[in-house]
PDB file of all heavy atoms in Angstrom:
ATOM      1  N   GLU A   1      -2.984   1.321 -16.982  1.00  0.00           N
ATOM      2  CA  GLU A   1      -1.987   0.340 -17.315  1.00  0.00           C
ATOM      3  C   GLU A   1      -1.414  -0.364 -16.090  1.00  0.00           C
ATOM      4  O   GLU A   1      -0.461  -1.173 -16.194  1.00  0.00           O
ATOM      5  CB  GLU A   1      -0.816   1.058 -18.061  1.00  0.00           C
ATOM      6  CG  GLU A   1      -1.198   1.587 -19.398  1.00  0.00           C
ATOM      7  CD  GLU A   1      -0.096   2.318 -20.089  1.00  0.00           C
ATOM      8  OE1 GLU A   1       1.063   2.278 -19.614  1.00  0.00           O
ATOM      9  OE2 GLU A   1      -0.372   2.985 -21.119  1.00  0.00           O
ATOM     10  N   ILE A   2      -2.026  -0.178 -14.936  1.00  0.00           N
ATOM     11  CA  ILE A   2      -1.572  -0.824 -13.737  1.00  0.00           C
ATOM     12  C   ILE A   2      -1.869  -2.304 -13.772  1.00  0.00           C
ATOM     13  O   ILE A   2      -3.046  -2.692 -13.998  1.00  0.00           O
ATOM     14  CB  ILE A   2      -2.222  -0.158 -12.458  1.00  0.00           C
ATOM     15  CG1 ILE A   2      -1.676   1.268 -12.342  1.00  0.00           C
ATOM     16  CG2 ILE A   2      -1.890  -0.955 -11.234  1.00  0.00           C
ATOM     17  CD1 ILE A   2      -2.359   2.056 -11.248  1.00  0.00           C
ATOM     18  N   CYS A   3      -0.878  -3.111 -13.552  1.00  0.00           N
ATOM     19  CA  CYS A   3      -1.031  -4.576 -13.511  1.00  0.00           C
ATOM     20  C   CYS A   3      -1.378  -5.008 -12.134  1.00  0.00           C
ATOM     21  O   CYS A   3      -0.970  -4.372 -11.124  1.00  0.00           O
ATOM     22  CB  CYS A   3       0.318  -5.169 -13.912  1.00  0.00           C
ATOM     23  SG  CYS A   3       0.440  -6.931 -13.702  1.00  0.00           S
ATOM     24  N   THR A   4      -2.160  -6.069 -11.987  1.00  0.00           N
ATOM     25  CA  THR A   4      -2.525  -6.591 -10.714  1.00  0.00           C
ATOM     26  C   THR A   4      -1.908  -7.957 -10.413  1.00  0.00           C
ATOM     27  O   THR A   4      -2.312  -8.614  -9.446  1.00  0.00           O
ATOM     28  CB  THR A   4      -4.078  -6.610 -10.514  1.00  0.00           C
ATOM     29  OG1 THR A   4      -4.650  -7.430 -11.573  1.00  0.00           O
ATOM     30  CG2 THR A   4      -4.662  -5.266 -10.556  1.00  0.00           C
ATOM     31  N   ASP A   5      -0.956  -8.360 -11.217  1.00  0.00           N
ATOM     32  CA  ASP A   5      -0.289  -9.639 -11.010  1.00  0.00           C
ATOM     33  C   ASP A   5       0.710  -9.547  -9.856  1.00  0.00           C
ATOM     34  O   ASP A   5       0.781 -10.404  -9.013  1.00  0.00           O
ATOM     35  CB  ASP A   5       0.429 -10.137 -12.265  1.00  0.00           C
ATOM     36  CG  ASP A   5      -0.540 -10.401 -13.403  1.00  0.00           C
ATOM     37  OD1 ASP A   5      -1.692 -10.685 -13.136  1.00  0.00           O
ATOM     38  OD2 ASP A   5      -0.066 -10.343 -14.538  1.00  0.00           O
ATOM     39  N   VAL A   6       1.465  -8.430  -9.854  1.00  0.00           N
ATOM     40  CA  VAL A   6       2.418  -8.146  -8.776  1.00  0.00           C
ATOM     41  C   VAL A   6       2.261  -6.696  -8.313  1.00  0.00           C
ATOM     42  O   VAL A   6       1.745  -5.887  -9.119  1.00  0.00           O
ATOM     43  CB  VAL A   6       3.879  -8.424  -9.208  1.00  0.00           C
ATOM     44  CG1 VAL A   6       4.118  -9.890  -9.470  1.00  0.00           C
ATOM     45  CG2 VAL A   6       4.246  -7.517 -10.377  1.00  0.00           C
ATOM     46  N   ILE A   7       2.678  -6.403  -7.148  1.00  0.00           N
ATOM     47  CA  ILE A   7       2.482  -5.030  -6.564  1.00  0.00           C
ATOM     48  C   ILE A   7       3.429  -4.089  -7.180  1.00  0.00           C
ATOM     49  O   ILE A   7       4.639  -4.351  -7.321  1.00  0.00           O
ATOM     50  CB  ILE A   7       2.651  -5.096  -5.071  1.00  0.00           C
ATOM     51  CG1 ILE A   7       1.602  -6.019  -4.429  1.00  0.00           C
ATOM     52  CG2 ILE A   7       2.570  -3.694  -4.436  1.00  0.00           C
ATOM     53  CD1 ILE A   7       1.824  -6.328  -2.972  1.00  0.00           C
ATOM     54  N   ASN A   8       2.869  -2.916  -7.575  1.00  0.00           N
ATOM     55  CA  ASN A   8       3.665  -1.823  -8.120  1.00  0.00           C
ATOM     56  C   ASN A   8       3.011  -0.513  -7.647  1.00  0.00           C
ATOM     57  O   ASN A   8       1.952  -0.549  -7.020  1.00  0.00           O
ATOM     58  CB  ASN A   8       3.780  -1.913  -9.640  1.00  0.00           C
ATOM     59  CG  ASN A   8       5.008  -1.205 -10.146  1.00  0.00           C
ATOM     60  OD1 ASN A   8       5.524  -0.274  -9.608  1.00  0.00           O
ATOM     61  ND2 ASN A   8       5.489  -1.689 -11.290  1.00  0.00           N
ATOM     62  N   ILE A   9       3.658   0.597  -7.971  1.00  0.00           N
ATOM     63  CA  ILE A   9       3.070   1.902  -7.611  1.00  0.00           C
ATOM     64  C   ILE A   9       1.676   2.021  -8.326  1.00  0.00           C
ATOM     65  O   ILE A   9       1.541   1.654  -9.464  1.00  0.00           O
ATOM     66  CB  ILE A   9       3.989   3.017  -8.089  1.00  0.00           C
ATOM     67  CG1 ILE A   9       5.337   2.909  -7.343  1.00  0.00           C
ATOM     68  CG2 ILE A   9       3.345   4.354  -7.775  1.00  0.00           C
ATOM     69  CD1 ILE A   9       6.362   3.904  -7.863  1.00  0.00           C
ATOM     70  N   GLY A  10       0.717   2.458  -7.542  1.00  0.00           N
ATOM     71  CA  GLY A  10      -0.681   2.604  -8.038  1.00  0.00           C
ATOM     72  C   GLY A  10      -1.605   1.541  -7.637  1.00  0.00           C
ATOM     73  O   GLY A  10      -2.799   1.669  -7.731  1.00  0.00           O
ATOM     74  N   ASN A  11      -1.093   0.408  -7.116  1.00  0.00           N
ATOM     75  CA  ASN A  11      -1.890  -0.698  -6.683  1.00  0.00           C
ATOM     76  C   ASN A  11      -2.477  -0.470  -5.310  1.00  0.00           C
ATOM     77  O   ASN A  11      -1.880   0.150  -4.458  1.00  0.00           O
ATOM     78  CB  ASN A  11      -1.099  -2.003  -6.598  1.00  0.00           C
ATOM     79  CG  ASN A  11      -0.837  -2.633  -7.961  1.00  0.00           C
ATOM     80  OD1 ASN A  11       0.344  -2.844  -8.302  1.00  0.00           O
ATOM     81  ND2 ASN A  11      -1.888  -2.879  -8.703  1.00  0.00           N
ATOM     82  N   LYS A  12      -3.666  -0.943  -5.191  1.00  0.00           N
ATOM     83  CA  LYS A  12      -4.329  -1.006  -3.838  1.00  0.00           C
ATOM     84  C   LYS A  12      -4.050  -2.441  -3.345  1.00  0.00           C
ATOM     85  O   LYS A  12      -4.257  -3.429  -4.112  1.00  0.00           O
ATOM     86  CB  LYS A  12      -5.843  -0.808  -3.934  1.00  0.00           C
ATOM     87  CG  LYS A  12      -6.579  -0.906  -2.607  1.00  0.00           C
ATOM     88  CD  LYS A  12      -8.063  -0.719  -2.778  1.00  0.00           C
ATOM     89  CE  LYS A  12      -8.485   0.607  -2.204  1.00  0.00           C
ATOM     90  NZ  LYS A  12      -9.901   0.831  -2.340  1.00  0.00           N
ATOM     91  N   VAL A  13      -3.595  -2.570  -2.103  1.00  0.00           N
ATOM     92  CA  VAL A  13      -3.159  -3.823  -1.620  1.00  0.00           C
ATOM     93  C   VAL A  13      -3.882  -4.149  -0.281  1.00  0.00           C
ATOM     94  O   VAL A  13      -3.935  -3.273   0.576  1.00  0.00           O
ATOM     95  CB  VAL A  13      -1.622  -3.870  -1.356  1.00  0.00           C
ATOM     96  CG1 VAL A  13      -1.154  -5.189  -0.882  1.00  0.00           C
ATOM     97  CG2 VAL A  13      -0.919  -3.381  -2.596  1.00  0.00           C
ATOM     98  N   LYS A  14      -4.433  -5.301  -0.222  1.00  0.00           N
ATOM     99  CA  LYS A  14      -5.036  -5.783   1.074  1.00  0.00           C
ATOM    100  C   LYS A  14      -4.074  -6.811   1.657  1.00  0.00           C
ATOM    101  O   LYS A  14      -3.640  -7.765   0.998  1.00  0.00           O
ATOM    102  CB  LYS A  14      -6.393  -6.454   0.851  1.00  0.00           C
ATOM    103  CG  LYS A  14      -7.125  -6.783   2.168  1.00  0.00           C
ATOM    104  CD  LYS A  14      -8.409  -7.506   1.969  1.00  0.00           C
ATOM    105  CE  LYS A  14      -9.496  -6.513   1.582  1.00  0.00           C
ATOM    106  NZ  LYS A  14     -10.834  -7.147   1.531  1.00  0.00           N
ATOM    107  N   LEU A  15      -3.715  -6.516   2.950  1.00  0.00           N
ATOM    108  CA  LEU A  15      -2.783  -7.349   3.664  1.00  0.00           C
ATOM    109  C   LEU A  15      -3.387  -7.884   4.913  1.00  0.00           C
ATOM    110  O   LEU A  15      -4.303  -7.312   5.499  1.00  0.00           O
ATOM    111  CB  LEU A  15      -1.544  -6.516   4.042  1.00  0.00           C
ATOM    112  CG  LEU A  15      -0.794  -5.712   2.980  1.00  0.00           C
ATOM    113  CD1 LEU A  15       0.202  -4.821   3.572  1.00  0.00           C
ATOM    114  CD2 LEU A  15      -0.136  -6.686   1.990  1.00  0.00           C
ATOM    115  N   PHE A  16      -2.822  -8.958   5.398  1.00  0.00           N
ATOM    116  CA  PHE A  16      -3.145  -9.521   6.708  1.00  0.00           C
ATOM    117  C   PHE A  16      -1.995  -9.279   7.633  1.00  0.00           C
ATOM    118  O   PHE A  16      -0.910  -9.782   7.365  1.00  0.00           O
ATOM    119  CB  PHE A  16      -3.500 -11.030   6.646  1.00  0.00           C
ATOM    120  CG  PHE A  16      -3.835 -11.574   7.985  1.00  0.00           C
ATOM    121  CD1 PHE A  16      -5.080 -11.311   8.556  1.00  0.00           C
ATOM    122  CD2 PHE A  16      -2.949 -12.310   8.689  1.00  0.00           C
ATOM    123  CE1 PHE A  16      -5.419 -11.839   9.770  1.00  0.00           C
ATOM    124  CE2 PHE A  16      -3.253 -12.825   9.968  1.00  0.00           C
ATOM    125  CZ  PHE A  16      -4.536 -12.559  10.510  1.00  0.00           C
ATOM    126  N   ASP A  17      -2.196  -8.419   8.648  1.00  0.00           N
ATOM    127  CA  ASP A  17      -1.177  -8.098   9.673  1.00  0.00           C
ATOM    128  C   ASP A  17      -1.160  -9.229  10.644  1.00  0.00           C
ATOM    129  O   ASP A  17      -2.086  -9.361  11.443  1.00  0.00           O
ATOM    130  CB  ASP A  17      -1.505  -6.725  10.300  1.00  0.00           C
ATOM    131  CG  ASP A  17      -0.457  -6.243  11.259  1.00  0.00           C
ATOM    132  OD1 ASP A  17       0.249  -7.082  11.845  1.00  0.00           O
ATOM    133  OD2 ASP A  17      -0.288  -5.063  11.368  1.00  0.00           O
ATOM    134  N   GLU A  18      -0.082  -9.968  10.686  1.00  0.00           N
ATOM    135  CA  GLU A  18      -0.002 -11.167  11.535  1.00  0.00           C
ATOM    136  C   GLU A  18       0.134 -10.774  13.004  1.00  0.00           C
ATOM    137  O   GLU A  18      -0.372 -11.491  13.854  1.00  0.00           O
ATOM    138  CB  GLU A  18       1.171 -12.053  11.120  1.00  0.00           C
ATOM    139  CG  GLU A  18       0.952 -12.667   9.734  1.00  0.00           C
ATOM    140  CD  GLU A  18       2.106 -13.569   9.266  1.00  0.00           C
ATOM    141  OE1 GLU A  18       3.090 -13.775  10.049  1.00  0.00           O
ATOM    142  OE2 GLU A  18       2.055 -14.031   8.143  1.00  0.00           O
ATOM    143  N   GLU A  19       0.750  -9.674  13.277  1.00  0.00           N
ATOM    144  CA  GLU A  19       0.924  -9.236  14.687  1.00  0.00           C
ATOM    145  C   GLU A  19      -0.424  -8.843  15.344  1.00  0.00           C
ATOM    146  O   GLU A  19      -0.710  -9.236  16.441  1.00  0.00           O
ATOM    147  CB  GLU A  19       1.942  -8.058  14.802  1.00  0.00           C
ATOM    148  CG  GLU A  19       2.136  -7.581  16.208  1.00  0.00           C
ATOM    149  CD  GLU A  19       3.105  -6.422  16.286  1.00  0.00           C
ATOM    150  OE1 GLU A  19       3.684  -6.014  15.282  1.00  0.00           O
ATOM    151  OE2 GLU A  19       3.322  -5.914  17.397  1.00  0.00           O
ATOM    152  N   PHE A  20      -1.207  -8.043  14.625  1.00  0.00           N
ATOM    153  CA  PHE A  20      -2.441  -7.581  15.158  1.00  0.00           C
ATOM    154  C   PHE A  20      -3.685  -8.429  14.680  1.00  0.00           C
ATOM    155  O   PHE A  20      -4.813  -8.078  15.042  1.00  0.00           O
ATOM    156  CB  PHE A  20      -2.636  -6.119  14.809  1.00  0.00           C
ATOM    157  CG  PHE A  20      -1.661  -5.220  15.446  1.00  0.00           C
ATOM    158  CD1 PHE A  20      -0.583  -4.698  14.746  1.00  0.00           C
ATOM    159  CD2 PHE A  20      -1.771  -4.896  16.794  1.00  0.00           C
ATOM    160  CE1 PHE A  20       0.348  -3.868  15.381  1.00  0.00           C
ATOM    161  CE2 PHE A  20      -0.841  -4.110  17.455  1.00  0.00           C
ATOM    162  CZ  PHE A  20       0.219  -3.596  16.737  1.00  0.00           C
ATOM    163  N   ASN A  21      -3.418  -9.439  13.894  1.00  0.00           N
ATOM    164  CA  ASN A  21      -4.456 -10.345  13.451  1.00  0.00           C
ATOM    165  C   ASN A  21      -5.671  -9.605  12.800  1.00  0.00           C
ATOM    166  O   ASN A  21      -6.785  -9.827  13.131  1.00  0.00           O
ATOM    167  CB  ASN A  21      -4.945 -11.194  14.610  1.00  0.00           C
ATOM    168  CG  ASN A  21      -5.655 -12.473  14.102  1.00  0.00           C
ATOM    169  OD1 ASN A  21      -5.387 -13.005  13.100  1.00  0.00           O
ATOM    170  ND2 ASN A  21      -6.654 -12.878  14.923  1.00  0.00           N
ATOM    171  N   GLU A  22      -5.282  -8.672  11.856  1.00  0.00           N
ATOM    172  CA  GLU A  22      -6.303  -7.877  11.176  1.00  0.00           C
ATOM    173  C   GLU A  22      -5.899  -7.628   9.703  1.00  0.00           C
ATOM    174  O   GLU A  22      -4.732  -7.708   9.364  1.00  0.00           O
ATOM    175  CB  GLU A  22      -6.530  -6.571  11.852  1.00  0.00           C
ATOM    176  CG  GLU A  22      -5.338  -5.660  11.857  1.00  0.00           C
ATOM    177  CD  GLU A  22      -5.507  -4.324  12.587  1.00  0.00           C
ATOM    178  OE1 GLU A  22      -6.564  -4.120  13.229  1.00  0.00           O
ATOM    179  OE2 GLU A  22      -4.662  -3.485  12.528  1.00  0.00           O
ATOM    180  N   GLU A  23      -6.918  -7.283   8.901  1.00  0.00           N
ATOM    181  CA  GLU A  23      -6.721  -6.958   7.529  1.00  0.00           C
ATOM    182  C   GLU A  23      -6.516  -5.452   7.434  1.00  0.00           C
ATOM    183  O   GLU A  23      -7.216  -4.690   8.122  1.00  0.00           O
ATOM    184  CB  GLU A  23      -7.877  -7.394   6.666  1.00  0.00           C
ATOM    185  CG  GLU A  23      -7.948  -8.885   6.537  1.00  0.00           C
ATOM    186  CD  GLU A  23      -9.095  -9.297   5.593  1.00  0.00           C
ATOM    187  OE1 GLU A  23      -9.730  -8.423   4.928  1.00  0.00           O
ATOM    188  OE2 GLU A  23      -9.333 -10.536   5.478  1.00  0.00           O
ATOM    189  N   ILE A  24      -5.599  -4.990   6.587  1.00  0.00           N
ATOM    190  CA  ILE A  24      -5.377  -3.588   6.338  1.00  0.00           C
ATOM    191  C   ILE A  24      -5.241  -3.371   4.833  1.00  0.00           C
ATOM    192  O   ILE A  24      -4.898  -4.296   4.114  1.00  0.00           O
ATOM    193  CB  ILE A  24      -4.089  -3.036   7.067  1.00  0.00           C
ATOM    194  CG1 ILE A  24      -2.901  -3.933   6.744  1.00  0.00           C
ATOM    195  CG2 ILE A  24      -4.350  -2.967   8.532  1.00  0.00           C
ATOM    196  CD1 ILE A  24      -1.605  -3.386   7.360  1.00  0.00           C
ATOM    197  N   GLU A  25      -5.564  -2.165   4.394  1.00  0.00           N
ATOM    198  CA  GLU A  25      -5.415  -1.800   3.010  1.00  0.00           C
ATOM    199  C   GLU A  25      -4.554  -0.594   2.835  1.00  0.00           C
ATOM    200  O   GLU A  25      -4.651   0.342   3.608  1.00  0.00           O
ATOM    201  CB  GLU A  25      -6.786  -1.533   2.367  1.00  0.00           C
ATOM    202  CG  GLU A  25      -7.592  -2.727   2.041  1.00  0.00           C
ATOM    203  CD  GLU A  25      -8.842  -2.409   1.239  1.00  0.00           C
ATOM    204  OE1 GLU A  25      -9.132  -1.227   0.999  1.00  0.00           O
ATOM    205  OE2 GLU A  25      -9.545  -3.363   0.873  1.00  0.00           O
ATOM    206  N   TYR A  26      -3.752  -0.635   1.814  1.00  0.00           N
ATOM    207  CA  TYR A  26      -2.933   0.486   1.429  1.00  0.00           C
ATOM    208  C   TYR A  26      -2.946   0.713  -0.057  1.00  0.00           C
ATOM    209  O   TYR A  26      -3.156  -0.221  -0.815  1.00  0.00           O
ATOM    210  CB  TYR A  26      -1.434   0.309   1.812  1.00  0.00           C
ATOM    211  CG  TYR A  26      -1.151   0.214   3.299  1.00  0.00           C
ATOM    212  CD1 TYR A  26      -0.631  -0.916   3.881  1.00  0.00           C
ATOM    213  CD2 TYR A  26      -1.335   1.329   4.076  1.00  0.00           C
ATOM    214  CE1 TYR A  26      -0.374  -0.987   5.240  1.00  0.00           C
ATOM    215  CE2 TYR A  26      -1.026   1.296   5.475  1.00  0.00           C
ATOM    216  CZ  TYR A  26      -0.552   0.148   6.014  1.00  0.00           C
ATOM    217  OH  TYR A  26      -0.260   0.060   7.332  1.00  0.00           O
ATOM    218  N   VAL A  27      -2.715   1.922  -0.446  1.00  0.00           N
ATOM    219  CA  VAL A  27      -2.458   2.220  -1.871  1.00  0.00           C
ATOM    220  C   VAL A  27      -0.982   2.620  -1.917  1.00  0.00           C
ATOM    221  O   VAL A  27      -0.519   3.472  -1.182  1.00  0.00           O
ATOM    222  CB  VAL A  27      -3.361   3.361  -2.388  1.00  0.00           C
ATOM    223  CG1 VAL A  27      -2.978   3.677  -3.836  1.00  0.00           C
ATOM    224  CG2 VAL A  27      -4.813   2.971  -2.286  1.00  0.00           C
ATOM    225  N   ILE A  28      -0.232   2.004  -2.872  1.00  0.00           N
ATOM    226  CA  ILE A  28       1.205   2.348  -3.016  1.00  0.00           C
ATOM    227  C   ILE A  28       1.326   3.526  -3.971  1.00  0.00           C
ATOM    228  O   ILE A  28       0.799   3.509  -5.104  1.00  0.00           O
ATOM    229  CB  ILE A  28       1.980   1.127  -3.609  1.00  0.00           C
ATOM    230  CG1 ILE A  28       1.644  -0.173  -2.886  1.00  0.00           C
ATOM    231  CG2 ILE A  28       3.459   1.427  -3.602  1.00  0.00           C
ATOM    232  CD1 ILE A  28       2.004  -0.250  -1.409  1.00  0.00           C
ATOM    233  N   VAL A  29       1.915   4.596  -3.497  1.00  0.00           N
ATOM    234  CA  VAL A  29       2.080   5.833  -4.247  1.00  0.00           C
ATOM    235  C   VAL A  29       3.578   6.303  -4.132  1.00  0.00           C
ATOM    236  O   VAL A  29       4.344   5.723  -3.395  1.00  0.00           O
ATOM    237  CB  VAL A  29       1.138   6.929  -3.728  1.00  0.00           C
ATOM    238  CG1 VAL A  29      -0.349   6.589  -3.973  1.00  0.00           C
ATOM    239  CG2 VAL A  29       1.418   7.283  -2.274  1.00  0.00           C
ATOM    240  N   GLY A  30       3.873   7.329  -4.934  1.00  0.00           N
ATOM    241  CA  GLY A  30       5.172   7.903  -4.816  1.00  0.00           C
ATOM    242  C   GLY A  30       5.283   8.701  -3.500  1.00  0.00           C
ATOM    243  O   GLY A  30       4.245   8.974  -2.843  1.00  0.00           O
ATOM    244  N   SER A  31       6.492   9.023  -3.104  1.00  0.00           N
ATOM    245  CA  SER A  31       6.670   9.648  -1.799  1.00  0.00           C
ATOM    246  C   SER A  31       5.990  10.961  -1.667  1.00  0.00           C
ATOM    247  O   SER A  31       5.604  11.413  -0.537  1.00  0.00           O
ATOM    248  CB  SER A  31       8.201   9.786  -1.508  1.00  0.00           C
ATOM    249  OG  SER A  31       8.814  10.589  -2.475  1.00  0.00           O
ATOM    250  N   THR A  32       5.776  11.715  -2.719  1.00  0.00           N
ATOM    251  CA  THR A  32       5.117  12.980  -2.708  1.00  0.00           C
ATOM    252  C   THR A  32       3.668  12.909  -2.266  1.00  0.00           C
ATOM    253  O   THR A  32       3.135  13.759  -1.583  1.00  0.00           O
ATOM    254  CB  THR A  32       5.156  13.666  -4.094  1.00  0.00           C
ATOM    255  OG1 THR A  32       6.556  13.723  -4.503  1.00  0.00           O
ATOM    256  CG2 THR A  32       4.592  15.032  -4.095  1.00  0.00           C
ATOM    257  N   GLU A  33       2.970  11.789  -2.661  1.00  0.00           N
ATOM    258  CA  GLU A  33       1.613  11.642  -2.320  1.00  0.00           C
ATOM    259  C   GLU A  33       1.289  10.837  -1.024  1.00  0.00           C
ATOM    260  O   GLU A  33       0.184  10.749  -0.588  1.00  0.00           O
ATOM    261  CB  GLU A  33       0.853  10.914  -3.463  1.00  0.00           C
ATOM    262  CG  GLU A  33       0.722  11.708  -4.692  1.00  0.00           C
ATOM    263  CD  GLU A  33       0.022  10.955  -5.731  1.00  0.00           C
ATOM    264  OE1 GLU A  33      -1.237  10.960  -5.732  1.00  0.00           O
ATOM    265  OE2 GLU A  33       0.651  10.343  -6.642  1.00  0.00           O
ATOM    266  N   ALA A  34       2.356  10.269  -0.462  1.00  0.00           N
ATOM    267  CA  ALA A  34       2.134   9.337   0.698  1.00  0.00           C
ATOM    268  C   ALA A  34       1.511  10.074   1.883  1.00  0.00           C
ATOM    269  O   ALA A  34       1.896  11.169   2.207  1.00  0.00           O
ATOM    270  CB  ALA A  34       3.500   8.747   1.066  1.00  0.00           C
ATOM    271  N   ASN A  35       0.558   9.415   2.467  1.00  0.00           N
ATOM    272  CA  ASN A  35      -0.090   9.902   3.703  1.00  0.00           C
ATOM    273  C   ASN A  35      -0.678   8.694   4.397  1.00  0.00           C
ATOM    274  O   ASN A  35      -1.803   8.276   4.176  1.00  0.00           O
ATOM    275  CB  ASN A  35      -1.206  10.877   3.377  1.00  0.00           C
ATOM    276  CG  ASN A  35      -1.816  11.483   4.587  1.00  0.00           C
ATOM    277  OD1 ASN A  35      -1.672  10.990   5.689  1.00  0.00           O
ATOM    278  ND2 ASN A  35      -2.535  12.588   4.423  1.00  0.00           N
ATOM    279  N   PRO A  36       0.141   8.000   5.224  1.00  0.00           N
ATOM    280  CA  PRO A  36      -0.324   6.716   5.859  1.00  0.00           C
ATOM    281  C   PRO A  36      -1.619   6.843   6.642  1.00  0.00           C
ATOM    282  O   PRO A  36      -2.376   5.872   6.698  1.00  0.00           O
ATOM    283  CB  PRO A  36       0.871   6.435   6.810  1.00  0.00           C
ATOM    284  CG  PRO A  36       2.019   7.103   6.249  1.00  0.00           C
ATOM    285  CD  PRO A  36       1.485   8.362   5.615  1.00  0.00           C
ATOM    286  N   ILE A  37      -1.893   7.975   7.212  1.00  0.00           N
ATOM    287  CA  ILE A  37      -3.132   8.167   7.913  1.00  0.00           C
ATOM    288  C   ILE A  37      -4.332   7.927   6.956  1.00  0.00           C
ATOM    289  O   ILE A  37      -5.377   7.429   7.389  1.00  0.00           O
ATOM    290  CB  ILE A  37      -3.196   9.545   8.601  1.00  0.00           C
ATOM    291  CG1 ILE A  37      -2.163   9.614   9.731  1.00  0.00           C
ATOM    292  CG2 ILE A  37      -4.599   9.853   9.120  1.00  0.00           C
ATOM    293  CD1 ILE A  37      -1.956  10.948  10.279  1.00  0.00           C
ATOM    294  N   ASN A  38      -4.170   8.348   5.745  1.00  0.00           N
ATOM    295  CA  ASN A  38      -5.231   8.193   4.713  1.00  0.00           C
ATOM    296  C   ASN A  38      -5.071   6.908   3.887  1.00  0.00           C
ATOM    297  O   ASN A  38      -5.749   6.735   2.902  1.00  0.00           O
ATOM    298  CB  ASN A  38      -5.291   9.391   3.778  1.00  0.00           C
ATOM    299  CG  ASN A  38      -5.732  10.635   4.483  1.00  0.00           C
ATOM    300  OD1 ASN A  38      -6.500  10.551   5.466  1.00  0.00           O
ATOM    301  ND2 ASN A  38      -5.265  11.750   4.040  1.00  0.00           N
ATOM    302  N   GLY A  39      -4.177   6.029   4.276  1.00  0.00           N
ATOM    303  CA  GLY A  39      -4.003   4.721   3.644  1.00  0.00           C
ATOM    304  C   GLY A  39      -3.139   4.730   2.396  1.00  0.00           C
ATOM    305  O   GLY A  39      -3.169   3.790   1.632  1.00  0.00           O
ATOM    306  N   THR A  40      -2.395   5.780   2.157  1.00  0.00           N
ATOM    307  CA  THR A  40      -1.448   5.793   1.025  1.00  0.00           C
ATOM    308  C   THR A  40      -0.019   5.717   1.633  1.00  0.00           C
ATOM    309  O   THR A  40       0.337   6.494   2.512  1.00  0.00           O
ATOM    310  CB  THR A  40      -1.590   7.021   0.123  1.00  0.00           C
ATOM    311  OG1 THR A  40      -1.463   8.215   0.930  1.00  0.00           O
ATOM    312  CG2 THR A  40      -2.967   7.038  -0.538  1.00  0.00           C
ATOM    313  N   ILE A  41       0.751   4.768   1.119  1.00  0.00           N
ATOM    314  CA  ILE A  41       2.135   4.647   1.596  1.00  0.00           C
ATOM    315  C   ILE A  41       3.095   4.793   0.396  1.00  0.00           C
ATOM    316  O   ILE A  41       2.794   4.407  -0.717  1.00  0.00           O
ATOM    317  CB  ILE A  41       2.360   3.329   2.322  1.00  0.00           C
ATOM    318  CG1 ILE A  41       2.031   2.103   1.451  1.00  0.00           C
ATOM    319  CG2 ILE A  41       1.564   3.295   3.623  1.00  0.00           C
ATOM    320  CD1 ILE A  41       2.448   0.794   2.051  1.00  0.00           C
ATOM    321  N   SER A  42       4.268   5.235   0.726  1.00  0.00           N
ATOM    322  CA  SER A  42       5.273   5.498  -0.309  1.00  0.00           C
ATOM    323  C   SER A  42       5.936   4.198  -0.765  1.00  0.00           C
ATOM    324  O   SER A  42       6.151   3.277   0.057  1.00  0.00           O
ATOM    325  CB  SER A  42       6.380   6.391   0.279  1.00  0.00           C
ATOM    326  OG  SER A  42       7.509   6.448  -0.560  1.00  0.00           O
ATOM    327  N   ASN A  43       6.262   4.193  -2.014  1.00  0.00           N
ATOM    328  CA  ASN A  43       7.005   3.044  -2.547  1.00  0.00           C
ATOM    329  C   ASN A  43       8.445   2.970  -1.969  1.00  0.00           C
ATOM    330  O   ASN A  43       9.115   1.981  -2.033  1.00  0.00           O
ATOM    331  CB  ASN A  43       7.110   3.137  -4.067  1.00  0.00           C
ATOM    332  CG  ASN A  43       7.822   4.388  -4.541  1.00  0.00           C
ATOM    333  OD1 ASN A  43       7.577   5.497  -4.057  1.00  0.00           O
ATOM    334  ND2 ASN A  43       8.750   4.264  -5.439  1.00  0.00           N
ATOM    335  N   GLU A  44       8.848   4.061  -1.277  1.00  0.00           N
ATOM    336  CA  GLU A  44      10.183   4.154  -0.661  1.00  0.00           C
ATOM    337  C   GLU A  44      10.176   3.816   0.805  1.00  0.00           C
ATOM    338  O   GLU A  44      11.211   3.713   1.444  1.00  0.00           O
ATOM    339  CB  GLU A  44      10.781   5.527  -0.913  1.00  0.00           C
ATOM    340  CG  GLU A  44      10.952   5.869  -2.379  1.00  0.00           C
ATOM    341  CD  GLU A  44      11.353   7.344  -2.600  1.00  0.00           C
ATOM    342  OE1 GLU A  44      11.652   8.060  -1.595  1.00  0.00           O
ATOM    343  OE2 GLU A  44      11.406   7.741  -3.742  1.00  0.00           O
ATOM    344  N   SER A  45       8.922   3.660   1.375  1.00  0.00           N
ATOM    345  CA  SER A  45       8.860   3.317   2.804  1.00  0.00           C
ATOM    346  C   SER A  45       9.240   1.853   3.025  1.00  0.00           C
ATOM    347  O   SER A  45       9.272   1.051   2.094  1.00  0.00           O
ATOM    348  CB  SER A  45       7.393   3.568   3.301  1.00  0.00           C
ATOM    349  OG  SER A  45       6.589   2.549   2.723  1.00  0.00           O
ATOM    350  N   PRO A  46       9.590   1.517   4.241  1.00  0.00           N
ATOM    351  CA  PRO A  46       9.932   0.064   4.445  1.00  0.00           C
ATOM    352  C   PRO A  46       8.918  -0.901   3.966  1.00  0.00           C
ATOM    353  O   PRO A  46       9.208  -1.912   3.323  1.00  0.00           O
ATOM    354  CB  PRO A  46      10.129  -0.013   5.987  1.00  0.00           C
ATOM    355  CG  PRO A  46      10.575   1.408   6.374  1.00  0.00           C
ATOM    356  CD  PRO A  46       9.761   2.311   5.483  1.00  0.00           C
TER     357      PRO A  46
END
């Protein structure tokens, strides 16, 4: 049931980091599952 029109928990997101001029990918998860080293970030993180 995850929508891909706008970002929500469960989405995989590809971003362009303007400071480092590179593409990065994250999966938005709840804080319990977050592990930035493995590419999962919390919906509560900045």
